[in-house]
C-alpha atoms as a PDB file:
ATOM      1  CA  ARG A   1      -0.164   0.271   0.208  1.00  0.00           C
ATOM      2  CA  ILE A   2       2.772   2.404   0.613  1.00  0.00           C
ATOM      3  CA  ARG A   3       4.557   1.792  -2.187  1.00  0.00           C
ATOM      4  CA  PHE A   4       1.866   3.352  -4.449  1.00  0.00           C
ATOM      5  CA  SER A   5       0.089   5.650  -2.087  1.00  0.00           C
ATOM      6  CA  GLU A   6      -1.631   8.246  -4.198  1.00  0.00           C
ATOM      7  CA  ALA A   7       1.054   7.281  -6.948  1.00  0.00           C
ATOM      8  CA  PHE A   8       3.792   9.552  -5.588  1.00  0.00           C
ATOM      9  CA  GLU A   9       1.783  12.513  -4.876  1.00  0.00           C
ATOM     10  CA  ASN A  10       2.667  11.985  -0.874  1.00  0.00           C
ATOM     11  CA  LEU A  11       6.349  12.023  -0.087  1.00  0.00           C
ATOM     12  CA  ILE A  12       7.225   9.830   2.487  1.00  0.00           C
ATOM     13  CA  CYS A  13      10.688  10.754   2.613  1.00  0.00           C
ATOM     14  CA  ILE A  14      10.009  14.222   3.635  1.00  0.00           C
ATOM     15  CA  SER A  15       9.708  13.944   6.960  1.00  0.00           C
ATOM     16  CA  ARG A  16      12.713  11.734   7.332  1.00  0.00           C
ATOM     17  CA  LEU A  17      15.019  14.035   5.625  1.00  0.00           C
ATOM     18  CA  GLU A  18      17.712  15.422   8.567  1.00  0.00           C
ATOM     19  CA  GLY A  19      19.163  19.212   8.195  1.00  0.00           C
ATOM     20  CA  VAL A  20      17.338  19.554   4.469  1.00  0.00           C
ATOM     21  CA  ARG A  21      14.783  21.510   3.634  1.00  0.00           C
ATOM     22  CA  SER A  22      13.537  20.910   0.764  1.00  0.00           C
ATOM     23  CA  PHE A  23      12.280  23.471  -2.005  1.00  0.00           C
ATOM     24  CA  TRP A  24       8.469  23.128  -3.967  1.00  0.00           C
ATOM     25  CA  TYR A  25      10.423  22.615  -7.615  1.00  0.00           C
ATOM     26  CA  GLN A  26      12.814  19.809  -5.946  1.00  0.00           C
ATOM     27  CA  GLU A  27       9.536  18.205  -4.487  1.00  0.00           C
ATOM     28  CA  GLU A  28       7.898  18.975  -7.959  1.00  0.00           C
ATOM     29  CA  THR A  29      11.152  17.160  -9.826  1.00  0.00           C
ATOM     30  CA  VAL A  30      11.031  14.085  -7.193  1.00  0.00           C
ATOM     31  CA  ARG A  31       7.098  13.623  -8.389  1.00  0.00           C
ATOM     32  CA  LYS A  32       7.769  13.835 -11.846  1.00  0.00           C
ATOM     33  CA  VAL A  33      10.441  11.566 -12.064  1.00  0.00           C
ATOM     34  CA  MET A  34       8.785   8.987 -10.321  1.00  0.00           C
ATOM     35  CA  LYS A  35       5.376   9.296 -11.869  1.00  0.00           C
ATOM     36  CA  SER A  36       6.190  10.670 -15.497  1.00  0.00           C
ATOM     37  CA  PHE A  37       9.487   9.171 -15.935  1.00  0.00           C
ATOM     38  CA  ARG A  38       9.509   6.002 -14.385  1.00  0.00           C
ATOM     39  CA  GLY A  39      12.579   6.742 -12.564  1.00  0.00           C
ATOM     40  CA  ARG A  40      14.645   7.622 -15.713  1.00  0.00           C
ATOM     41  CA  ALA A  41      15.910  11.190 -16.134  1.00  0.00           C
ATOM     42  CA  LEU A  42      18.341  13.538 -17.127  1.00  0.00           C
ATOM     43  CA  LEU A  43      18.737  16.322 -13.814  1.00  0.00           C
ATOM     44  CA  ALA A  44      19.785  19.454 -15.394  1.00  0.00           C
ATOM     45  CA  ASP A  45      19.316  22.022 -13.200  1.00  0.00           C
ATOM     46  CA  GLU A  46      21.343  25.215 -13.018  1.00  0.00           C
ATOM     47  CA  VAL A  47      24.562  25.251 -10.621  1.00  0.00           C
ATOM     48  CA  GLY A  48      23.773  25.418  -6.711  1.00  0.00           C
ATOM     49  CA  LEU A  49      20.052  24.495  -6.801  1.00  0.00           C
ATOM     50  CA  GLY A  50      20.162  20.857  -5.443  1.00  0.00           C
ATOM     51  CA  LYS A  51      20.355  18.466  -8.223  1.00  0.00           C
ATOM     52  CA  THR A  52      21.956  16.332  -5.170  1.00  0.00           C
ATOM     53  CA  VAL A  53      19.279  16.814  -3.349  1.00  0.00           C
ATOM     54  CA  GLU A  54      16.717  15.829  -5.711  1.00  0.00           C
ATOM     55  CA  ALA A  55      18.683  12.588  -6.704  1.00  0.00           C
ATOM     56  CA  LEU A  56      19.130  11.617  -2.865  1.00  0.00           C
ATOM     57  CA  MET A  57      15.500  12.353  -2.195  1.00  0.00           C
ATOM     58  CA  ILE A  58      14.250   9.955  -5.155  1.00  0.00           C
ATOM     59  CA  LEU A  59      16.669   7.085  -3.896  1.00  0.00           C
ATOM     60  CA  LYS A  60      15.211   7.886  -0.487  1.00  0.00           C
ATOM     61  CA  GLU A  61      11.696   7.562  -1.692  1.00  0.00           C
ATOM     62  CA  TYR A  62      12.137   4.563  -3.606  1.00  0.00           C
ATOM     63  CA  ILE A  63      13.972   2.929  -0.619  1.00  0.00           C
ATOM     64  CA  LEU A  64      11.543   3.514   1.487  1.00  0.00           C
ATOM     65  CA  ARG A  65       8.898   2.283  -0.713  1.00  0.00           C
ATOM     66  CA  GLY A  66      10.620  -1.165  -0.819  1.00  0.00           C
ATOM     67  CA  MET A  67      11.076  -0.339  -4.912  1.00  0.00           C
ATOM     68  CA  VAL A  68      15.022   0.004  -4.444  1.00  0.00           C
ATOM     69  CA  LYS A  69      17.157  -2.793  -2.897  1.00  0.00           C
ATOM     70  CA  SER A  70      20.287  -2.294  -4.559  1.00  0.00           C
ATOM     71  CA  ALA A  71      21.983   1.284  -5.676  1.00  0.00           C
ATOM     72  CA  LEU A  72      25.334   2.658  -7.303  1.00  0.00           C
ATOM     73  CA  ILE A  73      26.358   5.947  -6.886  1.00  0.00           C
ATOM     74  CA  LEU A  74      29.111   7.137  -9.415  1.00  0.00           C
ATOM     75  CA  VAL A  75      30.906  10.437  -8.790  1.00  0.00           C
ATOM     76  CA  PRO A  76      34.455  12.028  -9.871  1.00  0.00           C
ATOM     77  CA  SER A  77      36.682  10.942  -7.269  1.00  0.00           C
ATOM     78  CA  PRO A  78      37.081  14.495  -5.424  1.00  0.00           C
ATOM     79  CA  LEU A  79      33.804  14.240  -4.348  1.00  0.00           C
ATOM     80  CA  VAL A  80      32.954  10.776  -2.960  1.00  0.00           C
ATOM     81  CA  SER A  81      33.633  11.847   0.415  1.00  0.00           C
ATOM     82  CA  GLN A  82      31.078  14.957   0.087  1.00  0.00           C
ATOM     83  CA  TRP A  83      28.528  12.768  -1.435  1.00  0.00           C
ATOM     84  CA  SER A  84      29.341  10.008   1.233  1.00  0.00           C
ATOM     85  CA  GLU A  85      28.469  12.631   3.948  1.00  0.00           C
ATOM     86  CA  GLU A  86      25.440  13.797   2.647  1.00  0.00           C
ATOM     87  CA  LEU A  87      23.892  10.549   2.166  1.00  0.00           C
ATOM     88  CA  ALA A  88      24.747  10.072   5.795  1.00  0.00           C
ATOM     89  CA  ALA A  89      24.240  12.970   7.586  1.00  0.00           C
ATOM     90  CA  LYS A  90      20.554  14.420   5.702  1.00  0.00           C
ATOM     91  CA  PHE A  91      19.451  10.750   4.548  1.00  0.00           C
ATOM     92  CA  GLN A  92      20.523   8.355   6.822  1.00  0.00           C
ATOM     93  CA  LEU A  93      22.004   6.149   3.819  1.00  0.00           C
ATOM     94  CA  HIS A  94      25.132   3.880   4.359  1.00  0.00           C
ATOM     95  CA  PHE A  95      26.724   3.113   1.102  1.00  0.00           C
ATOM     96  CA  PHE A  96      30.240   1.461   0.565  1.00  0.00           C
ATOM     97  CA  SER A  97      32.798   3.807  -0.559  1.00  0.00           C
ATOM     98  CA  THR A  98      35.768   3.312  -2.815  1.00  0.00           C
ATOM     99  CA  GLU A  99      37.626   5.849  -0.238  1.00  0.00           C
ATOM    100  CA  GLU A 100      37.143   3.592   2.625  1.00  0.00           C
ATOM    101  CA  THR A 101      40.259   1.329   3.507  1.00  0.00           C
ATOM    102  CA  ALA A 102      37.887  -2.008   3.693  1.00  0.00           C
ATOM    103  CA  PHE A 103      38.203  -1.464  -0.214  1.00  0.00           C
ATOM    104  CA  ARG A 104      40.616  -3.138  -2.176  1.00  0.00           C
ATOM    105  CA  SER A 105      40.741  -2.441  -6.114  1.00  0.00           C
ATOM    106  CA  GLY A 106      39.572  -5.862  -7.832  1.00  0.00           C
ATOM    107  CA  GLU A 107      37.720  -7.381  -5.010  1.00  0.00           C
ATOM    108  CA  PRO A 108      33.999  -9.136  -6.189  1.00  0.00           C
ATOM    109  CA  SER A 109      32.752  -9.039  -2.770  1.00  0.00           C
ATOM    110  CA  PHE A 110      32.958  -5.006  -2.747  1.00  0.00           C
ATOM    111  CA  TRP A 111      30.876  -4.696  -5.468  1.00  0.00           C
ATOM    112  CA  ASN A 112      28.255  -7.314  -4.309  1.00  0.00           C
ATOM    113  CA  ARG A 113      27.032  -5.223  -1.510  1.00  0.00           C
ATOM    114  CA  PRO A 114      23.568  -3.290  -1.683  1.00  0.00           C
ATOM    115  CA  TYR A 115      24.974   0.148  -1.930  1.00  0.00           C
ATOM    116  CA  VAL A 116      27.825   1.150  -3.286  1.00  0.00           C
ATOM    117  CA  LEU A 117      29.550   4.830  -3.912  1.00  0.00           C
ATOM    118  CA  ALA A 118      32.510   4.646  -6.005  1.00  0.00           C
ATOM    119  CA  SER A 119      34.721   6.884  -8.022  1.00  0.00           C
ATOM    120  CA  ILE A 120      33.870   6.276 -11.585  1.00  0.00           C
ATOM    121  CA  ASN A 121      37.399   6.213 -12.475  1.00  0.00           C
ATOM    122  CA  VAL A 122      37.915   3.321  -9.865  1.00  0.00           C
ATOM    123  CA  ALA A 123      34.796   1.707 -11.123  1.00  0.00           C
ATOM    124  CA  LYS A 124      35.951   1.686 -14.731  1.00  0.00           C
ATOM    125  CA  SER A 125      39.223   0.065 -14.210  1.00  0.00           C
ATOM    126  CA  PRO A 126      40.096  -2.689 -15.915  1.00  0.00           C
ATOM    127  CA  LYS A 127      39.964  -5.086 -12.625  1.00  0.00           C
ATOM    128  CA  ASN A 128      36.685  -3.357 -11.830  1.00  0.00           C
ATOM    129  CA  PHE A 129      34.943  -2.858 -14.955  1.00  0.00           C
ATOM    130  CA  PRO A 130      33.256  -6.719 -15.495  1.00  0.00           C
ATOM    131  CA  LEU A 131      32.239  -6.587 -11.579  1.00  0.00           C
ATOM    132  CA  VAL A 132      30.472  -3.211 -11.550  1.00  0.00           C
ATOM    133  CA  THR A 133      28.874  -4.176 -14.362  1.00  0.00           C
ATOM    134  CA  GLN A 134      28.067  -8.026 -14.272  1.00  0.00           C
ATOM    135  CA  LYS A 135      25.682  -6.939 -10.738  1.00  0.00           C
ATOM    136  CA  GLU A 136      21.861  -5.712 -11.590  1.00  0.00           C
ATOM    137  CA  TRP A 137      20.925  -2.573  -9.776  1.00  0.00           C
ATOM    138  CA  ASP A 138      17.989  -1.442  -8.912  1.00  0.00           C
ATOM    139  CA  LEU A 139      18.904   2.310  -9.382  1.00  0.00           C
ATOM    140  CA  VAL A 140      22.091   3.975 -10.582  1.00  0.00           C
ATOM    141  CA  ILE A 141      22.555   7.659  -9.981  1.00  0.00           C
ATOM    142  CA  VAL A 142      25.770   9.482 -11.974  1.00  0.00           C
ATOM    143  CA  ASP A 143      26.926  12.868 -10.784  1.00  0.00           C
ATOM    144  CA  GLU A 144      28.619  15.287 -13.478  1.00  0.00           C
ATOM    145  CA  ALA A 145      27.001  13.267 -16.256  1.00  0.00           C
ATOM    146  CA  HIS A 146      28.868  15.778 -19.069  1.00  0.00           C
ATOM    147  CA  HIS A 147      31.341  13.615 -18.404  1.00  0.00           C
ATOM    148  CA  LEU A 148      29.932  10.974 -20.476  1.00  0.00           C
ATOM    149  CA  LYS A 149      29.163  13.251 -23.194  1.00  0.00           C
ATOM    150  CA  ASN A 150      31.699  11.421 -25.486  1.00  0.00           C
ATOM    151  CA  ARG A 151      29.988   8.029 -26.405  1.00  0.00           C
ATOM    152  CA  ASN A 152      33.794   6.504 -27.222  1.00  0.00           C
ATOM    153  CA  THR A 153      34.859   7.122 -23.542  1.00  0.00           C
ATOM    154  CA  LEU A 154      34.854   4.465 -20.865  1.00  0.00           C
ATOM    155  CA  ASN A 155      32.932   6.542 -18.654  1.00  0.00           C
ATOM    156  CA  TRP A 156      30.084   6.403 -21.291  1.00  0.00           C
ATOM    157  CA  LYS A 157      30.344   2.793 -22.094  1.00  0.00           C
ATOM    158  CA  ILE A 158      30.367   1.877 -18.265  1.00  0.00           C
ATOM    159  CA  VAL A 159      27.361   3.348 -17.728  1.00  0.00           C
ATOM    160  CA  ASN A 160      25.952   1.733 -20.691  1.00  0.00           C
ATOM    161  CA  SER A 161      26.718  -1.482 -20.222  1.00  0.00           C
ATOM    162  CA  LEU A 162      25.575  -1.357 -16.234  1.00  0.00           C
ATOM    163  CA  LYS A 163      22.358  -3.496 -15.880  1.00  0.00           C
ATOM    164  CA  LYS A 164      20.103  -1.003 -14.032  1.00  0.00           C
ATOM    165  CA  ARG A 165      16.270  -0.669 -13.948  1.00  0.00           C
ATOM    166  CA  PHE A 166      16.525   3.019 -12.741  1.00  0.00           C
ATOM    167  CA  LEU A 167      19.133   5.887 -13.903  1.00  0.00           C
ATOM    168  CA  LEU A 168      19.520   9.399 -12.886  1.00  0.00           C
ATOM    169  CA  LEU A 169      22.211  11.339 -14.558  1.00  0.00           C
ATOM    170  CA  LEU A 170      22.900  14.905 -13.117  1.00  0.00           C
ATOM    171  CA  THR A 171      24.459  17.768 -14.937  1.00  0.00           C
ATOM    172  CA  ALA A 172      23.952  21.626 -15.324  1.00  0.00           C
ATOM    173  CA  THR A 173      25.861  21.588 -18.501  1.00  0.00           C
ATOM    174  CA  PRO A 174      24.118  18.749 -20.540  1.00  0.00           C
ATOM    175  CA  VAL A 175      25.331  20.566 -23.820  1.00  0.00           C
ATOM    176  CA  GLU A 176      28.879  22.242 -23.760  1.00  0.00           C
ATOM    177  CA  ASN A 177      30.438  22.107 -27.459  1.00  0.00           C
ATOM    178  CA  ASN A 178      27.913  19.979 -29.890  1.00  0.00           C
ATOM    179  CA  LEU A 179      24.366  18.787 -29.507  1.00  0.00           C
ATOM    180  CA  MET A 180      25.661  15.278 -30.138  1.00  0.00           C
ATOM    181  CA  GLU A 181      26.690  15.505 -26.581  1.00  0.00           C
ATOM    182  CA  LEU A 182      23.146  15.718 -25.366  1.00  0.00           C
ATOM    183  CA  HIS A 183      22.031  12.872 -27.804  1.00  0.00           C
ATOM    184  CA  ASN A 184      24.686  10.535 -26.117  1.00  0.00           C
ATOM    185  CA  LEU A 185      23.538  11.435 -22.660  1.00  0.00           C
ATOM    186  CA  VAL A 186      19.814  10.660 -23.754  1.00  0.00           C
ATOM    187  CA  THR A 187      20.520   7.382 -25.313  1.00  0.00           C
ATOM    188  CA  LEU A 188      22.189   6.385 -21.968  1.00  0.00           C
ATOM    189  CA  ILE A 189      18.841   7.157 -20.304  1.00  0.00           C
ATOM    190  CA  LYS A 190      16.192   6.302 -22.982  1.00  0.00           C
ATOM    191  CA  PRO A 191      17.783   4.825 -25.926  1.00  0.00           C
ATOM    192  CA  GLY A 192      15.754   5.978 -29.136  1.00  0.00           C
ATOM    193  CA  GLN A 193      13.871   8.904 -27.649  1.00  0.00           C
ATOM    194  CA  LEU A 194      16.368  11.390 -30.005  1.00  0.00           C
ATOM    195  CA  LYS A 195      16.371   8.706 -32.867  1.00  0.00           C
ATOM    196  CA  THR A 196      19.249   7.611 -34.199  1.00  0.00           C
ATOM    197  CA  ALA A 197      22.449   9.710 -34.429  1.00  0.00           C
ATOM    198  CA  ALA A 198      22.147  10.082 -38.184  1.00  0.00           C
ATOM    199  CA  GLU A 199      18.307  11.219 -37.564  1.00  0.00           C
ATOM    200  CA  PHE A 200      19.265  13.442 -34.522  1.00  0.00           C
ATOM    201  CA  LYS A 201      21.758  15.162 -36.617  1.00  0.00           C
ATOM    202  CA  ARG A 202      19.800  15.775 -39.671  1.00  0.00           C
ATOM    203  CA  GLU A 203      16.332  16.836 -37.596  1.00  0.00           C
ATOM    204  CA  PHE A 204      17.779  19.139 -35.007  1.00  0.00           C
ATOM    205  CA  MET A 205      21.393  20.162 -35.816  1.00  0.00           C
ATOM    206  CA  THR A 206      22.416  23.222 -37.797  1.00  0.00           C
ATOM    207  CA  SER A 207      24.829  22.205 -39.993  1.00  0.00           C
ATOM    208  CA  GLY A 208      28.074  24.158 -39.317  1.00  0.00           C
ATOM    209  CA  ASP A 209      27.131  25.134 -35.963  1.00  0.00           C
ATOM    210  CA  PRO A 210      26.765  22.368 -34.052  1.00  0.00           C
ATOM    211  CA  THR A 211      25.508  24.095 -30.695  1.00  0.00           C
ATOM    212  CA  ASP A 212      22.565  25.733 -32.777  1.00  0.00           C
ATOM    213  CA  PRO A 213      19.404  23.622 -32.772  1.00  0.00           C
ATOM    214  CA  ARG A 214      16.670  23.630 -35.229  1.00  0.00           C
ATOM    215  CA  ASN A 215      13.453  22.439 -34.794  1.00  0.00           C
ATOM    216  CA  ARG A 216      13.766  23.891 -31.411  1.00  0.00           C
ATOM    217  CA  GLU A 217      10.093  23.316 -30.421  1.00  0.00           C
ATOM    218  CA  GLY A 218      10.340  19.263 -31.468  1.00  0.00           C
ATOM    219  CA  LEU A 219      13.276  19.214 -29.664  1.00  0.00           C
ATOM    220  CA  LYS A 220      11.876  20.619 -26.437  1.00  0.00           C
ATOM    221  CA  GLU A 221       8.903  18.191 -26.723  1.00  0.00           C
ATOM    222  CA  LEU A 222      11.349  15.366 -27.000  1.00  0.00           C
ATOM    223  CA  LEU A 223      13.382  16.326 -24.119  1.00  0.00           C
ATOM    224  CA  ALA A 224      10.523  17.415 -21.919  1.00  0.00           C
ATOM    225  CA  GLU A 225       9.583  13.405 -21.399  1.00  0.00           C
ATOM    226  CA  ILE A 226      13.092  12.934 -20.181  1.00  0.00           C
ATOM    227  CA  MET A 227      14.724  16.012 -18.875  1.00  0.00           C
ATOM    228  CA  VAL A 228      13.953  18.952 -16.027  1.00  0.00           C
ATOM    229  CA  ARG A 229      16.090  22.112 -15.760  1.00  0.00           C
ATOM    230  CA  ASN A 230      14.808  24.273 -13.122  1.00  0.00           C
ATOM    231  CA  THR A 231      16.062  27.671 -13.295  1.00  0.00           C
ATOM    232  CA  ARG A 232      16.896  30.550 -10.718  1.00  0.00           C
ATOM    233  CA  ALA A 233      14.726  32.873 -13.065  1.00  0.00           C
ATOM    234  CA  LEU A 234      12.042  29.911 -12.006  1.00  0.00           C
END
């Protein structure tokens, strides 16, 4: 009954947060991702608006409803300890981290734990790549997801290879130099949403300027089914 109570309208995680004041737009984002996007989304809020809090509220809500029993969080190496502190202090969640002294690279038992927080550089190493990708994860969260913008890199390949039910990609800059970066990110979340690479280039990219989209309204509609971008102006 709790799992489906009022179809996610009432967020049961709110009363369980410590030292977190969630804003209305963050709560709306959580509802939208769970109700409309079915747990697979690109969280692209402007810097400082709390993408981390949104992602962890979604994680906590799924755990409380019994819908997530395993989760993997991949972040750049310098952010591992910061994420670990937020998880414990504000969300009462303990994740085994690749920064703990107990962690040994290439040890299968570490990756078999239900809740793992890892540096993406450690996860994609030759020793760990096969271990991380053979396990089935209920939810995967990737911070600073613009590091996945190139589908020829190991960063993109490891996230694409993960067995995952729900996926949250967090980045304030989903496009930096080329609209294909956006296509590559969206393909991880919902393959085919922006069509094939060739069709995407033909329909949505201006020849001679890879950052200037054609058919903006059509692109916005497709992105609205998978991306949330809260802005300060809003």
